[in-house]
Amino acid sequence: MLWEREEEQVFRALSRALSGGTIAWKGNIRHVPIDCDFSDTSSWEQTLSGYPKNQYQNGAYWNTPTGWVCYAAARTDDEAARELALQYIEELCAGYFRRGR
């Protein structure tokens, strides 16, 4: 089935990106892999002015897609998915704002 082949390609691409260190940082996911940035100053063709690369809307890392990427990567590389999940949990524990100082 065509859908399954495309799905597997996505799973493998995400696993390669995780293993290659191009989409994750401390368990968070970057929308554009670092090796696919548009230029040296921007992840995208156009960005709102004032946002340096790797911050906010210009290549920042977000935790919203972490679970989805873990799921997809686990389909082809369980170790990469497990490592991403562990990094995410470590980052949550380190930055837990309710602990106070």
PDB file of N, CA and C in Angstrom:
ATOM      1  N   MET A   1       0.852  -1.170   0.000  1.00  0.00           N
ATOM      2  CA  MET A   1       0.000   0.000   0.000  1.00  0.00           C
ATOM      3  C   MET A   1       0.906   1.245   0.000  1.00  0.00           C
ATOM      4  N   LEU A   2       0.591   2.216  -0.848  1.00  0.00           N
ATOM      5  CA  LEU A   2       1.390   3.427  -0.997  1.00  0.00           C
ATOM      6  C   LEU A   2       1.502   4.188   0.305  1.00  0.00           C
ATOM      7  N   TRP A   3       0.395   4.304   1.028  1.00  0.00           N
ATOM      8  CA  TRP A   3       0.400   5.052   2.299  1.00  0.00           C
ATOM      9  C   TRP A   3       1.429   4.470   3.266  1.00  0.00           C
ATOM     10  N   GLU A   4       1.488   3.161   3.365  1.00  0.00           N
ATOM     11  CA  GLU A   4       2.417   2.533   4.286  1.00  0.00           C
ATOM     12  C   GLU A   4       3.861   2.805   3.890  1.00  0.00           C
ATOM     13  N   ARG A   5       4.158   2.809   2.606  1.00  0.00           N
ATOM     14  CA  ARG A   5       5.527   3.097   2.172  1.00  0.00           C
ATOM     15  C   ARG A   5       5.910   4.528   2.537  1.00  0.00           C
ATOM     16  N   GLU A   6       5.009   5.471   2.315  1.00  0.00           N
ATOM     17  CA  GLU A   6       5.293   6.865   2.656  1.00  0.00           C
ATOM     18  C   GLU A   6       5.451   7.032   4.174  1.00  0.00           C
ATOM     19  N   GLU A   7       4.603   6.347   4.914  1.00  0.00           N
ATOM     20  CA  GLU A   7       4.677   6.394   6.368  1.00  0.00           C
ATOM     21  C   GLU A   7       6.029   5.879   6.857  1.00  0.00           C
ATOM     22  N   GLU A   8       6.465   4.775   6.316  1.00  0.00           N
ATOM     23  CA  GLU A   8       7.762   4.212   6.703  1.00  0.00           C
ATOM     24  C   GLU A   8       8.903   5.153   6.321  1.00  0.00           C
ATOM     25  N   GLN A   9       8.802   5.826   5.200  1.00  0.00           N
ATOM     26  CA  GLN A   9       9.828   6.790   4.808  1.00  0.00           C
ATOM     27  C   GLN A   9       9.920   7.924   5.827  1.00  0.00           C
ATOM     28  N   VAL A  10       8.777   8.388   6.300  1.00  0.00           N
ATOM     29  CA  VAL A  10       8.760   9.439   7.318  1.00  0.00           C
ATOM     30  C   VAL A  10       9.393   8.925   8.606  1.00  0.00           C
ATOM     31  N   PHE A  11       9.038   7.724   9.030  1.00  0.00           N
ATOM     32  CA  PHE A  11       9.608   7.148  10.243  1.00  0.00           C
ATOM     33  C   PHE A  11      11.124   7.063  10.137  1.00  0.00           C
ATOM     34  N   ARG A  12      11.617   6.587   9.004  1.00  0.00           N
ATOM     35  CA  ARG A  12      13.071   6.455   8.817  1.00  0.00           C
ATOM     36  C   ARG A  12      13.744   7.817   8.769  1.00  0.00           C
ATOM     37  N   ALA A  13      13.124   8.792   8.110  1.00  0.00           N
ATOM     38  CA  ALA A  13      13.710  10.139   8.021  1.00  0.00           C
ATOM     39  C   ALA A  13      13.821  10.772   9.412  1.00  0.00           C
ATOM     40  N   LEU A  14      12.796  10.620  10.229  1.00  0.00           N
ATOM     41  CA  LEU A  14      12.854  11.164  11.587  1.00  0.00           C
ATOM     42  C   LEU A  14      13.917  10.454  12.424  1.00  0.00           C
ATOM     43  N   SER A  15      14.021   9.162  12.277  1.00  0.00           N
ATOM     44  CA  SER A  15      15.046   8.412  13.009  1.00  0.00           C
ATOM     45  C   SER A  15      16.438   8.859  12.594  1.00  0.00           C
ATOM     46  N   ARG A  16      16.655   9.060  11.296  1.00  0.00           N
ATOM     47  CA  ARG A  16      17.962   9.531  10.815  1.00  0.00           C
ATOM     48  C   ARG A  16      18.260  10.927  11.354  1.00  0.00           C
ATOM     49  N   ALA A  17      17.262  11.795  11.361  1.00  0.00           N
ATOM     50  CA  ALA A  17      17.462  13.155  11.861  1.00  0.00           C
ATOM     51  C   ALA A  17      17.789  13.147  13.351  1.00  0.00           C
ATOM     52  N   LEU A  18      17.132  12.284  14.102  1.00  0.00           N
ATOM     53  CA  LEU A  18      17.448  12.173  15.537  1.00  0.00           C
ATOM     54  C   LEU A  18      18.870  11.658  15.740  1.00  0.00           C
ATOM     55  N   SER A  19      19.199  10.595  15.050  1.00  0.00           N
ATOM     56  CA  SER A  19      20.531  10.008  15.185  1.00  0.00           C
ATOM     57  C   SER A  19      21.611  10.966  14.698  1.00  0.00           C
ATOM     58  N   GLY A  20      21.283  11.761  13.692  1.00  0.00           N
ATOM     59  CA  GLY A  20      22.240  12.710  13.138  1.00  0.00           C
ATOM     60  C   GLY A  20      22.342  14.008  13.906  1.00  0.00           C
ATOM     61  N   GLY A  21      21.476  14.189  14.892  1.00  0.00           N
ATOM     62  CA  GLY A  21      21.521  15.388  15.716  1.00  0.00           C
ATOM     63  C   GLY A  21      21.049  16.655  15.022  1.00  0.00           C
ATOM     64  N   THR A  22      20.135  16.515  14.056  1.00  0.00           N
ATOM     65  CA  THR A  22      19.716  17.696  13.296  1.00  0.00           C
ATOM     66  C   THR A  22      18.349  18.262  13.675  1.00  0.00           C
ATOM     67  N   ILE A  23      17.582  17.556  14.527  1.00  0.00           N
ATOM     68  CA  ILE A  23      16.249  18.090  14.858  1.00  0.00           C
ATOM     69  C   ILE A  23      15.945  18.173  16.348  1.00  0.00           C
ATOM     70  N   ALA A  24      16.799  17.643  17.195  1.00  0.00           N
ATOM     71  CA  ALA A  24      16.473  17.619  18.626  1.00  0.00           C
ATOM     72  C   ALA A  24      17.558  18.287  19.460  1.00  0.00           C
ATOM     73  N   TRP A  25      17.109  18.925  20.540  1.00  0.00           N
ATOM     74  CA  TRP A  25      17.997  19.532  21.525  1.00  0.00           C
ATOM     75  C   TRP A  25      17.307  19.440  22.875  1.00  0.00           C
ATOM     76  N   LYS A  26      17.926  18.727  23.799  1.00  0.00           N
ATOM     77  CA  LYS A  26      17.366  18.539  25.136  1.00  0.00           C
ATOM     78  C   LYS A  26      15.918  18.052  25.098  1.00  0.00           C
ATOM     79  N   GLY A  27      15.627  17.148  24.169  1.00  0.00           N
ATOM     80  CA  GLY A  27      14.292  16.577  24.072  1.00  0.00           C
ATOM     81  C   GLY A  27      13.277  17.425  23.336  1.00  0.00           C
ATOM     82  N   ASN A  28      13.691  18.572  22.843  1.00  0.00           N
ATOM     83  CA  ASN A  28      12.789  19.445  22.082  1.00  0.00           C
ATOM     84  C   ASN A  28      13.097  19.302  20.599  1.00  0.00           C
ATOM     85  N   ILE A  29      12.131  19.625  19.776  1.00  0.00           N
ATOM     86  CA  ILE A  29      12.223  19.384  18.339  1.00  0.00           C
ATOM     87  C   ILE A  29      12.239  20.693  17.561  1.00  0.00           C
ATOM     88  N   ARG A  30      13.070  20.737  16.565  1.00  0.00           N
ATOM     89  CA  ARG A  30      13.178  21.899  15.676  1.00  0.00           C
ATOM     90  C   ARG A  30      12.360  21.601  14.424  1.00  0.00           C
ATOM     91  N   HIS A  31      11.589  22.561  13.964  1.00  0.00           N
ATOM     92  CA  HIS A  31      10.757  22.346  12.783  1.00  0.00           C
ATOM     93  C   HIS A  31      11.578  22.110  11.523  1.00  0.00           C
ATOM     94  N   VAL A  32      12.666  22.834  11.392  1.00  0.00           N
ATOM     95  CA  VAL A  32      13.543  22.700  10.228  1.00  0.00           C
ATOM     96  C   VAL A  32      14.850  22.069  10.714  1.00  0.00           C
ATOM     97  N   PRO A  33      15.222  20.919  10.183  1.00  0.00           N
ATOM     98  CA  PRO A  33      16.503  20.343  10.595  1.00  0.00           C
ATOM     99  C   PRO A  33      17.634  21.348  10.342  1.00  0.00           C
ATOM    100  N   ILE A  34      18.646  21.338  11.216  1.00  0.00           N
ATOM    101  CA  ILE A  34      19.690  22.346  11.101  1.00  0.00           C
ATOM    102  C   ILE A  34      20.452  22.257   9.775  1.00  0.00           C
ATOM    103  N   ASP A  35      20.449  21.101   9.138  1.00  0.00           N
ATOM    104  CA  ASP A  35      21.127  20.982   7.849  1.00  0.00           C
ATOM    105  C   ASP A  35      20.223  21.363   6.672  1.00  0.00           C
ATOM    106  N   CYS A  36      19.045  21.887   6.967  1.00  0.00           N
ATOM    107  CA  CYS A  36      18.116  22.323   5.911  1.00  0.00           C
ATOM    108  C   CYS A  36      17.736  23.794   6.062  1.00  0.00           C
ATOM    109  N   ASP A  37      18.462  24.552   6.881  1.00  0.00           N
ATOM    110  CA  ASP A  37      18.158  25.971   7.048  1.00  0.00           C
ATOM    111  C   ASP A  37      18.219  26.692   5.702  1.00  0.00           C
ATOM    112  N   PHE A  38      17.404  27.716   5.578  1.00  0.00           N
ATOM    113  CA  PHE A  38      17.375  28.498   4.349  1.00  0.00           C
ATOM    114  C   PHE A  38      18.688  29.241   4.131  1.00  0.00           C
ATOM    115  N   SER A  39      19.251  29.796   5.198  1.00  0.00           N
ATOM    116  CA  SER A  39      20.491  30.563   5.087  1.00  0.00           C
ATOM    117  C   SER A  39      21.240  30.532   6.420  1.00  0.00           C
ATOM    118  N   ASP A  40      22.361  31.218   6.469  1.00  0.00           N
ATOM    119  CA  ASP A  40      23.137  31.293   7.709  1.00  0.00           C
ATOM    120  C   ASP A  40      22.433  32.102   8.789  1.00  0.00           C
ATOM    121  N   THR A  41      21.466  32.933   8.398  1.00  0.00           N
ATOM    122  CA  THR A  41      20.793  33.797   9.369  1.00  0.00           C
ATOM    123  C   THR A  41      19.334  33.432   9.595  1.00  0.00           C
ATOM    124  N   SER A  42      18.816  32.492   8.814  1.00  0.00           N
ATOM    125  CA  SER A  42      17.397  32.173   8.947  1.00  0.00           C
ATOM    126  C   SER A  42      17.098  30.712   8.611  1.00  0.00           C
ATOM    127  N   SER A  43      16.186  30.152   9.377  1.00  0.00           N
ATOM    128  CA  SER A  43      15.717  28.794   9.092  1.00  0.00           C
ATOM    129  C   SER A  43      14.725  28.793   7.939  1.00  0.00           C
ATOM    130  N   TRP A  44      14.018  29.894   7.784  1.00  0.00           N
ATOM    131  CA  TRP A  44      12.929  30.016   6.823  1.00  0.00           C
ATOM    132  C   TRP A  44      13.279  31.028   5.726  1.00  0.00           C
ATOM    133  N   GLU A  45      12.541  30.985   4.644  1.00  0.00           N
ATOM    134  CA  GLU A  45      12.724  31.944   3.561  1.00  0.00           C
ATOM    135  C   GLU A  45      12.410  33.359   4.032  1.00  0.00           C
ATOM    136  N   GLN A  46      11.382  33.484   4.875  1.00  0.00           N
ATOM    137  CA  GLN A  46      11.007  34.775   5.431  1.00  0.00           C
ATOM    138  C   GLN A  46      10.698  34.593   6.912  1.00  0.00           C
ATOM    139  N   THR A  47      11.122  35.556   7.714  1.00  0.00           N
ATOM    140  CA  THR A  47      10.818  35.516   9.143  1.00  0.00           C
ATOM    141  C   THR A  47      10.419  36.910   9.593  1.00  0.00           C
ATOM    142  N   LEU A  48       9.792  36.959  10.740  1.00  0.00           N
ATOM    143  CA  LEU A  48       9.506  38.257  11.337  1.00  0.00           C
ATOM    144  C   LEU A  48      10.836  38.878  11.738  1.00  0.00           C
ATOM    145  N   SER A  49      10.991  40.133  11.498  1.00  0.00           N
ATOM    146  CA  SER A  49      12.274  40.761  11.820  1.00  0.00           C
ATOM    147  C   SER A  49      12.520  40.755  13.326  1.00  0.00           C
ATOM    148  N   GLY A  50      13.763  40.693  13.678  1.00  0.00           N
ATOM    149  CA  GLY A  50      14.134  40.769  15.079  1.00  0.00           C
ATOM    150  C   GLY A  50      14.350  39.440  15.766  1.00  0.00           C
ATOM    151  N   TYR A  51      14.094  38.328  15.120  1.00  0.00           N
ATOM    152  CA  TYR A  51      14.302  37.031  15.757  1.00  0.00           C
ATOM    153  C   TYR A  51      15.563  36.379  15.203  1.00  0.00           C
ATOM    154  N   PRO A  52      16.599  36.282  16.028  1.00  0.00           N
ATOM    155  CA  PRO A  52      17.833  35.635  15.570  1.00  0.00           C
ATOM    156  C   PRO A  52      17.591  34.150  15.308  1.00  0.00           C
ATOM    157  N   LYS A  53      18.428  33.596  14.486  1.00  0.00           N
ATOM    158  CA  LYS A  53      18.331  32.175  14.173  1.00  0.00           C
ATOM    159  C   LYS A  53      18.434  31.348  15.456  1.00  0.00           C
ATOM    160  N   ASN A  54      17.650  30.303  15.527  1.00  0.00           N
ATOM    161  CA  ASN A  54      17.545  29.371  16.663  1.00  0.00           C
ATOM    162  C   ASN A  54      16.783  29.945  17.846  1.00  0.00           C
ATOM    163  N   GLN A  55      16.021  30.996  17.631  1.00  0.00           N
ATOM    164  CA  GLN A  55      15.174  31.541  18.674  1.00  0.00           C
ATOM    165  C   GLN A  55      13.772  31.768  18.141  1.00  0.00           C
ATOM    166  N   TYR A  56      12.826  31.642  18.996  1.00  0.00           N
ATOM    167  CA  TYR A  56      11.408  31.835  18.749  1.00  0.00           C
ATOM    168  C   TYR A  56      10.966  31.350  17.362  1.00  0.00           C
ATOM    169  N   GLN A  57      10.557  32.207  16.485  1.00  0.00           N
ATOM    170  CA  GLN A  57       9.996  31.792  15.191  1.00  0.00           C
ATOM    171  C   GLN A  57      11.052  31.602  14.104  1.00  0.00           C
ATOM    172  N   ASN A  58      12.293  31.489  14.487  1.00  0.00           N
ATOM    173  CA  ASN A  58      13.360  31.341  13.498  1.00  0.00           C
ATOM    174  C   ASN A  58      14.265  30.161  13.853  1.00  0.00           C
ATOM    175  N   GLY A  59      13.681  28.994  13.930  1.00  0.00           N
ATOM    176  CA  GLY A  59      14.455  27.785  14.165  1.00  0.00           C
ATOM    177  C   GLY A  59      14.560  27.345  15.606  1.00  0.00           C
ATOM    178  N   ALA A  60      13.668  27.813  16.435  1.00  0.00           N
ATOM    179  CA  ALA A  60      13.700  27.420  17.841  1.00  0.00           C
ATOM    180  C   ALA A  60      13.303  25.951  17.998  1.00  0.00           C
ATOM    181  N   TYR A  61      13.578  25.427  19.170  1.00  0.00           N
ATOM    182  CA  TYR A  61      13.220  24.052  19.505  1.00  0.00           C
ATOM    183  C   TYR A  61      11.980  24.092  20.396  1.00  0.00           C
ATOM    184  N   TRP A  62      11.020  23.201  20.112  1.00  0.00           N
ATOM    185  CA  TRP A  62       9.738  23.189  20.809  1.00  0.00           C
ATOM    186  C   TRP A  62       9.479  21.784  21.337  1.00  0.00           C
ATOM    187  N   ASN A  63       8.764  21.690  22.454  1.00  0.00           N
ATOM    188  CA  ASN A  63       8.483  20.359  22.987  1.00  0.00           C
ATOM    189  C   ASN A  63       7.134  19.801  22.560  1.00  0.00           C
ATOM    190  N   THR A  64       6.315  20.589  21.912  1.00  0.00           N
ATOM    191  CA  THR A  64       4.992  20.098  21.492  1.00  0.00           C
ATOM    192  C   THR A  64       5.083  18.845  20.624  1.00  0.00           C
ATOM    193  N   PRO A  65       5.968  18.775  19.630  1.00  0.00           N
ATOM    194  CA  PRO A  65       5.993  17.574  18.778  1.00  0.00           C
ATOM    195  C   PRO A  65       6.835  16.422  19.319  1.00  0.00           C
ATOM    196  N   THR A  66       7.411  16.551  20.504  1.00  0.00           N
ATOM    197  CA  THR A  66       8.322  15.526  21.005  1.00  0.00           C
ATOM    198  C   THR A  66       7.671  14.144  21.073  1.00  0.00           C
ATOM    199  N   GLY A  67       6.479  14.063  21.592  1.00  0.00           N
ATOM    200  CA  GLY A  67       5.798  12.766  21.686  1.00  0.00           C
ATOM    201  C   GLY A  67       5.533  12.153  20.327  1.00  0.00           C
ATOM    202  N   TRP A  68       5.145  12.961  19.370  1.00  0.00           N
ATOM    203  CA  TRP A  68       4.882  12.441  18.018  1.00  0.00           C
ATOM    204  C   TRP A  68       6.157  11.950  17.368  1.00  0.00           C
ATOM    205  N   VAL A  69       7.243  12.692  17.575  1.00  0.00           N
ATOM    206  CA  VAL A  69       8.514  12.271  16.995  1.00  0.00           C
ATOM    207  C   VAL A  69       9.004  10.998  17.682  1.00  0.00           C
ATOM    208  N   CYS A  70       8.826  10.889  18.987  1.00  0.00           N
ATOM    209  CA  CYS A  70       9.176   9.648  19.693  1.00  0.00           C
ATOM    210  C   CYS A  70       8.419   8.463  19.105  1.00  0.00           C
ATOM    211  N   TYR A  71       7.125   8.641  18.928  1.00  0.00           N
ATOM    212  CA  TYR A  71       6.302   7.558  18.384  1.00  0.00           C
ATOM    213  C   TYR A  71       6.787   7.143  16.992  1.00  0.00           C
ATOM    214  N   ALA A  72       6.985   8.135  16.131  1.00  0.00           N
ATOM    215  CA  ALA A  72       7.390   7.843  14.753  1.00  0.00           C
ATOM    216  C   ALA A  72       8.767   7.193  14.712  1.00  0.00           C
ATOM    217  N   ALA A  73       9.703   7.727  15.473  1.00  0.00           N
ATOM    218  CA  ALA A  73      11.055   7.175  15.464  1.00  0.00           C
ATOM    219  C   ALA A  73      11.081   5.751  16.014  1.00  0.00           C
ATOM    220  N   ALA A  74      10.260   5.486  17.011  1.00  0.00           N
ATOM    221  CA  ALA A  74      10.226   4.148  17.615  1.00  0.00           C
ATOM    222  C   ALA A  74       9.804   3.079  16.614  1.00  0.00           C
ATOM    223  N   ARG A  75       9.138   3.487  15.576  1.00  0.00           N
ATOM    224  CA  ARG A  75       8.715   2.508  14.563  1.00  0.00           C
ATOM    225  C   ARG A  75       9.902   1.906  13.819  1.00  0.00           C
ATOM    226  N   THR A  76      11.014   2.647  13.758  1.00  0.00           N
ATOM    227  CA  THR A  76      12.183   2.130  13.046  1.00  0.00           C
ATOM    228  C   THR A  76      13.454   2.128  13.883  1.00  0.00           C
ATOM    229  N   ASP A  77      13.504   2.911  14.946  1.00  0.00           N
ATOM    230  CA  ASP A  77      14.714   3.006  15.771  1.00  0.00           C
ATOM    231  C   ASP A  77      14.308   3.252  17.220  1.00  0.00           C
ATOM    232  N   ASP A  78      14.049   2.172  17.915  1.00  0.00           N
ATOM    233  CA  ASP A  78      13.576   2.269  19.291  1.00  0.00           C
ATOM    234  C   ASP A  78      14.574   2.996  20.188  1.00  0.00           C
ATOM    235  N   GLU A  79      15.854   2.796  19.952  1.00  0.00           N
ATOM    236  CA  GLU A  79      16.882   3.432  20.786  1.00  0.00           C
ATOM    237  C   GLU A  79      16.872   4.950  20.613  1.00  0.00           C
ATOM    238  N   ALA A  80      16.735   5.440  19.396  1.00  0.00           N
ATOM    239  CA  ALA A  80      16.683   6.894  19.158  1.00  0.00           C
ATOM    240  C   ALA A  80      15.450   7.493  19.825  1.00  0.00           C
ATOM    241  N   ALA A  81      14.346   6.809  19.742  1.00  0.00           N
ATOM    242  CA  ALA A  81      13.114   7.293  20.373  1.00  0.00           C
ATOM    243  C   ALA A  81      13.252   7.309  21.892  1.00  0.00           C
ATOM    244  N   ARG A  82      13.825   6.278  22.435  1.00  0.00           N
ATOM    245  CA  ARG A  82      14.026   6.193  23.889  1.00  0.00           C
ATOM    246  C   ARG A  82      14.955   7.314  24.359  1.00  0.00           C
ATOM    247  N   GLU A  83      16.027   7.572  23.635  1.00  0.00           N
ATOM    248  CA  GLU A  83      16.964   8.630  23.997  1.00  0.00           C
ATOM    249  C   GLU A  83      16.290   9.999  23.956  1.00  0.00           C
ATOM    250  N   LEU A  84      15.465  10.249  22.944  1.00  0.00           N
ATOM    251  CA  LEU A  84      14.733  11.512  22.855  1.00  0.00           C
ATOM    252  C   LEU A  84      13.813  11.679  24.060  1.00  0.00           C
ATOM    253  N   ALA A  85      13.098  10.641  24.410  1.00  0.00           N
ATOM    254  CA  ALA A  85      12.184  10.708  25.557  1.00  0.00           C
ATOM    255  C   ALA A  85      12.951  10.966  26.855  1.00  0.00           C
ATOM    256  N   LEU A  86      14.074  10.314  27.039  1.00  0.00           N
ATOM    257  CA  LEU A  86      14.874  10.516  28.248  1.00  0.00           C
ATOM    258  C   LEU A  86      15.418  11.943  28.319  1.00  0.00           C
ATOM    259  N   GLN A  87      15.879  12.470  27.185  1.00  0.00           N
ATOM    260  CA  GLN A  87      16.360  13.857  27.162  1.00  0.00           C
ATOM    261  C   GLN A  87      15.240  14.825  27.505  1.00  0.00           C
ATOM    262  N   TYR A  88      14.066  14.552  27.002  1.00  0.00           N
ATOM    263  CA  TYR A  88      12.909  15.413  27.278  1.00  0.00           C
ATOM    264  C   TYR A  88      12.567  15.411  28.772  1.00  0.00           C
ATOM    265  N   ILE A  89      12.546  14.223  29.369  1.00  0.00           N
ATOM    266  CA  ILE A  89      12.236  14.112  30.799  1.00  0.00           C
ATOM    267  C   ILE A  89      13.319  14.804  31.635  1.00  0.00           C
ATOM    268  N   GLU A  90      14.573  14.621  31.262  1.00  0.00           N
ATOM    269  CA  GLU A  90      15.662  15.296  31.983  1.00  0.00           C
ATOM    270  C   GLU A  90      15.511  16.811  31.914  1.00  0.00           C
ATOM    271  N   GLU A  91      15.163  17.328  30.751  1.00  0.00           N
ATOM    272  CA  GLU A  91      14.976  18.771  30.591  1.00  0.00           C
ATOM    273  C   GLU A  91      13.790  19.264  31.417  1.00  0.00           C
ATOM    274  N   LEU A  92      12.704  18.497  31.447  1.00  0.00           N
ATOM    275  CA  LEU A  92      11.556  18.880  32.270  1.00  0.00           C
ATOM    276  C   LEU A  92      11.934  18.928  33.747  1.00  0.00           C
ATOM    277  N   CYS A  93      12.656  17.931  34.205  1.00  0.00           N
ATOM    278  CA  CYS A  93      13.056  17.895  35.616  1.00  0.00           C
ATOM    279  C   CYS A  93      14.010  19.041  35.948  1.00  0.00           C
ATOM    280  N   ALA A  94      14.945  19.325  35.068  1.00  0.00           N
ATOM    281  CA  ALA A  94      15.926  20.385  35.320  1.00  0.00           C
ATOM    282  C   ALA A  94      15.274  21.767  35.333  1.00  0.00           C
ATOM    283  N   GLY A  95      14.247  21.953  34.517  1.00  0.00           N
ATOM    284  CA  GLY A  95      13.636  23.259  34.412  1.00  0.00           C
ATOM    285  C   GLY A  95      12.284  23.385  35.080  1.00  0.00           C
ATOM    286  N   TYR A  96      11.995  22.508  36.007  1.00  0.00           N
ATOM    287  CA  TYR A  96      10.685  22.500  36.647  1.00  0.00           C
ATOM    288  C   TYR A  96      10.500  23.750  37.488  1.00  0.00           C
ATOM    289  N   PHE A  97       9.670  24.658  37.025  1.00  0.00           N
ATOM    290  CA  PHE A  97       9.534  25.971  37.638  1.00  0.00           C
ATOM    291  C   PHE A  97       8.860  25.951  39.008  1.00  0.00           C
ATOM    292  N   ARG A  98       8.130  24.940  39.366  1.00  0.00           N
ATOM    293  CA  ARG A  98       7.411  24.920  40.640  1.00  0.00           C
ATOM    294  C   ARG A  98       8.310  24.554  41.823  1.00  0.00           C
ATOM    295  N   ARG A  99       9.506  24.113  41.556  1.00  0.00           N
ATOM    296  CA  ARG A  99      10.418  23.747  42.637  1.00  0.00           C
ATOM    297  C   ARG A  99      10.932  24.977  43.370  1.00  0.00           C
ATOM    298  N   GLY A 100      10.885  26.104  42.720  1.00  0.00           N
ATOM    299  CA  GLY A 100      11.445  27.301  43.329  1.00  0.00           C
ATOM    300  C   GLY A 100      12.955  27.299  43.195  1.00  0.00           C
ATOM    301  N   ARG A 101      13.597  28.102  44.018  1.00  0.00           N
ATOM    302  CA  ARG A 101      15.057  28.190  43.921  1.00  0.00           C
ATOM    303  C   ARG A 101      15.667  27.005  44.613  1.00  0.00           C
TER     304      ARG A 101
END
